[in-house]
């Protein structure tokens, strides 16, 4: 079971790091970016955030489902 917890952690690390990177880019260059670039950064950050949350939610859903049987 520990192997799966490590896989869960690793699958969430990259999207979270990208989310931090995108948000820092957005905050640092807010005044120089155009509207479309800001919208693209927000959309990209949202996608990476969802990619980070999905494996965690799936893990807890599978655990809950397995304990109910």
N, C-alpha and C. Protein backbone atom coordinates (compact mmCIF):
# COMPACT_ATOMS: atom_id res chain seq x y z
N UNK A 1 0.82 -1.20 0.00
CA UNK A 1 0.00 0.00 0.00
C UNK A 1 0.86 1.27 0.00
N UNK A 2 2.05 1.20 0.62
CA UNK A 2 2.91 2.38 0.65
C UNK A 2 3.35 2.79 -0.74
N UNK A 3 3.51 1.80 -1.62
CA UNK A 3 3.91 2.10 -3.00
C UNK A 3 2.88 3.02 -3.66
N UNK A 4 1.63 2.78 -3.42
CA UNK A 4 0.58 3.59 -4.04
C UNK A 4 0.54 4.99 -3.45
N UNK A 5 0.84 5.12 -2.16
CA UNK A 5 0.87 6.45 -1.55
C UNK A 5 1.99 7.28 -2.15
N UNK A 6 3.15 6.65 -2.41
CA UNK A 6 4.25 7.37 -3.04
C UNK A 6 3.89 7.78 -4.47
N UNK A 7 3.21 6.90 -5.19
CA UNK A 7 2.78 7.24 -6.55
C UNK A 7 1.80 8.40 -6.51
N UNK A 8 0.92 8.42 -5.53
CA UNK A 8 -0.03 9.51 -5.37
C UNK A 8 0.70 10.82 -5.11
N UNK A 9 1.70 10.77 -4.25
CA UNK A 9 2.49 11.97 -3.95
C UNK A 9 3.22 12.46 -5.19
N UNK A 10 3.87 11.56 -5.91
CA UNK A 10 4.63 11.96 -7.09
C UNK A 10 3.72 12.49 -8.20
N UNK A 11 2.52 11.94 -8.32
CA UNK A 11 1.63 12.40 -9.38
C UNK A 11 1.06 13.78 -9.08
N UNK A 12 1.12 14.22 -7.83
CA UNK A 12 0.59 15.54 -7.47
C UNK A 12 1.68 16.60 -7.39
N UNK A 13 2.96 16.20 -7.33
CA UNK A 13 4.04 17.17 -7.12
C UNK A 13 4.24 18.07 -8.34
N UNK A 14 4.33 17.48 -9.53
CA UNK A 14 4.59 18.28 -10.73
C UNK A 14 3.48 19.29 -11.01
N UNK A 15 2.21 18.89 -11.01
CA UNK A 15 1.17 19.90 -11.25
C UNK A 15 1.15 21.00 -10.19
N UNK A 16 1.42 20.66 -8.94
CA UNK A 16 1.45 21.70 -7.91
C UNK A 16 2.61 22.66 -8.13
N UNK A 17 3.76 22.12 -8.53
CA UNK A 17 4.91 22.98 -8.82
C UNK A 17 4.61 23.90 -10.00
N UNK A 18 3.96 23.37 -11.02
CA UNK A 18 3.61 24.18 -12.18
C UNK A 18 2.58 25.24 -11.80
N UNK A 19 1.68 24.90 -10.89
CA UNK A 19 0.68 25.86 -10.42
C UNK A 19 1.37 27.02 -9.70
N UNK A 20 2.35 26.72 -8.87
CA UNK A 20 3.10 27.77 -8.18
C UNK A 20 3.86 28.62 -9.18
N UNK A 21 4.46 27.98 -10.18
CA UNK A 21 5.22 28.71 -11.21
C UNK A 21 4.30 29.65 -11.99
N UNK A 22 3.16 29.15 -12.41
CA UNK A 22 2.22 29.97 -13.19
C UNK A 22 1.71 31.14 -12.36
N UNK A 23 1.39 30.88 -11.10
CA UNK A 23 0.87 31.98 -10.27
C UNK A 23 1.96 33.01 -9.97
N UNK A 24 3.21 32.56 -9.81
CA UNK A 24 4.28 33.54 -9.59
C UNK A 24 4.54 34.37 -10.84
N UNK A 25 4.47 33.74 -12.01
CA UNK A 25 4.60 34.49 -13.26
C UNK A 25 3.48 35.52 -13.37
N UNK A 26 2.29 35.11 -13.03
CA UNK A 26 1.13 35.99 -13.11
C UNK A 26 1.29 37.19 -12.17
N UNK A 27 1.77 36.94 -10.96
CA UNK A 27 1.92 38.04 -10.00
C UNK A 27 3.08 38.96 -10.35
N UNK A 28 4.18 38.40 -10.85
CA UNK A 28 5.36 39.21 -11.15
C UNK A 28 5.18 40.10 -12.37
N UNK A 29 4.44 39.62 -13.35
CA UNK A 29 4.34 40.35 -14.61
C UNK A 29 2.92 40.81 -14.90
N UNK A 30 2.16 41.07 -13.87
CA UNK A 30 0.75 41.41 -14.05
C UNK A 30 0.57 42.67 -14.88
N UNK A 31 1.40 43.68 -14.65
CA UNK A 31 1.21 44.96 -15.34
C UNK A 31 1.66 44.91 -16.80
N UNK A 32 2.64 44.07 -17.12
CA UNK A 32 3.17 44.05 -18.48
C UNK A 32 2.44 43.07 -19.39
N UNK A 33 1.65 42.18 -18.82
CA UNK A 33 0.96 41.19 -19.64
C UNK A 33 -0.35 41.75 -20.19
N UNK A 34 -0.70 41.27 -21.36
CA UNK A 34 -1.99 41.65 -21.94
C UNK A 34 -3.10 40.78 -21.38
N UNK A 35 -4.32 41.11 -21.73
CA UNK A 35 -5.48 40.39 -21.21
C UNK A 35 -5.47 38.93 -21.62
N UNK A 36 -5.11 38.64 -22.87
CA UNK A 36 -5.14 37.26 -23.35
C UNK A 36 -4.07 36.42 -22.67
N UNK A 37 -2.91 37.02 -22.40
CA UNK A 37 -1.86 36.26 -21.71
C UNK A 37 -2.25 35.97 -20.26
N UNK A 38 -2.90 36.93 -19.63
CA UNK A 38 -3.36 36.70 -18.25
C UNK A 38 -4.41 35.60 -18.24
N UNK A 39 -5.33 35.63 -19.19
CA UNK A 39 -6.36 34.59 -19.26
C UNK A 39 -5.74 33.22 -19.51
N UNK A 40 -4.71 33.17 -20.36
CA UNK A 40 -4.04 31.90 -20.64
C UNK A 40 -3.31 31.38 -19.40
N UNK A 41 -2.67 32.27 -18.65
CA UNK A 41 -1.99 31.85 -17.43
C UNK A 41 -2.98 31.36 -16.37
N UNK A 42 -4.11 32.03 -16.25
CA UNK A 42 -5.12 31.60 -15.28
C UNK A 42 -5.69 30.24 -15.69
N UNK A 43 -5.96 30.06 -16.97
CA UNK A 43 -6.48 28.77 -17.45
C UNK A 43 -5.44 27.67 -17.23
N UNK A 44 -4.18 27.96 -17.55
CA UNK A 44 -3.13 26.96 -17.34
C UNK A 44 -2.97 26.60 -15.88
N UNK A 45 -2.99 27.60 -15.02
CA UNK A 45 -2.89 27.34 -13.58
C UNK A 45 -4.05 26.51 -13.07
N UNK A 46 -5.25 26.77 -13.57
CA UNK A 46 -6.42 26.00 -13.16
C UNK A 46 -6.30 24.55 -13.60
N UNK A 47 -5.83 24.34 -14.82
CA UNK A 47 -5.66 22.97 -15.33
C UNK A 47 -4.64 22.21 -14.49
N UNK A 48 -3.51 22.85 -14.18
CA UNK A 48 -2.51 22.17 -13.37
C UNK A 48 -3.01 21.92 -11.96
N UNK A 49 -3.81 22.82 -11.41
CA UNK A 49 -4.38 22.61 -10.09
C UNK A 49 -5.33 21.41 -10.09
N UNK A 50 -6.15 21.30 -11.12
CA UNK A 50 -7.05 20.15 -11.24
C UNK A 50 -6.26 18.85 -11.41
N UNK A 51 -5.15 18.91 -12.17
CA UNK A 51 -4.31 17.73 -12.34
C UNK A 51 -3.70 17.30 -11.01
N UNK A 52 -3.43 18.25 -10.13
CA UNK A 52 -2.85 17.92 -8.84
C UNK A 52 -3.90 17.36 -7.88
N UNK A 53 -5.12 17.86 -7.97
CA UNK A 53 -6.16 17.44 -7.04
C UNK A 53 -6.78 16.10 -7.44
N UNK A 54 -6.84 15.82 -8.73
CA UNK A 54 -7.53 14.61 -9.21
C UNK A 54 -7.00 13.31 -8.61
N UNK A 55 -5.67 13.06 -8.58
CA UNK A 55 -5.22 11.79 -8.00
C UNK A 55 -5.53 11.67 -6.51
N UNK A 56 -5.51 12.78 -5.80
CA UNK A 56 -5.80 12.74 -4.36
C UNK A 56 -7.27 12.39 -4.13
N UNK A 57 -8.15 13.03 -4.88
CA UNK A 57 -9.59 12.75 -4.76
C UNK A 57 -9.88 11.31 -5.16
N UNK A 58 -9.25 10.84 -6.23
CA UNK A 58 -9.44 9.46 -6.68
C UNK A 58 -8.97 8.48 -5.62
N UNK A 59 -7.84 8.76 -5.01
CA UNK A 59 -7.31 7.88 -3.96
C UNK A 59 -8.30 7.74 -2.80
N UNK A 60 -8.83 8.86 -2.33
CA UNK A 60 -9.77 8.80 -1.21
C UNK A 60 -11.09 8.16 -1.61
N UNK A 61 -11.52 8.37 -2.85
CA UNK A 61 -12.76 7.75 -3.32
C UNK A 61 -12.61 6.23 -3.39
N UNK A 62 -11.46 5.77 -3.90
CA UNK A 62 -11.22 4.33 -4.00
C UNK A 62 -11.12 3.72 -2.60
N UNK A 63 -10.43 4.39 -1.68
CA UNK A 63 -10.34 3.88 -0.31
C UNK A 63 -11.71 3.80 0.35
N UNK A 64 -12.53 4.81 0.16
CA UNK A 64 -13.87 4.82 0.75
C UNK A 64 -14.72 3.71 0.17
N UNK A 65 -14.58 3.50 -1.13
CA UNK A 65 -15.37 2.46 -1.80
C UNK A 65 -14.93 1.07 -1.36
N UNK A 66 -13.61 0.88 -1.16
CA UNK A 66 -13.11 -0.42 -0.74
C UNK A 66 -13.49 -0.74 0.70
N UNK A 67 -13.58 0.25 1.55
CA UNK A 67 -13.94 0.00 2.95
C UNK A 67 -15.43 -0.25 3.11
N UNK A 68 -16.25 0.17 2.17
CA UNK A 68 -17.69 -0.04 2.27
C UNK A 68 -18.10 -1.45 1.87
N UNK A 69 -17.23 -2.17 1.19
CA UNK A 69 -17.58 -3.53 0.73
C UNK A 69 -17.60 -4.52 1.86
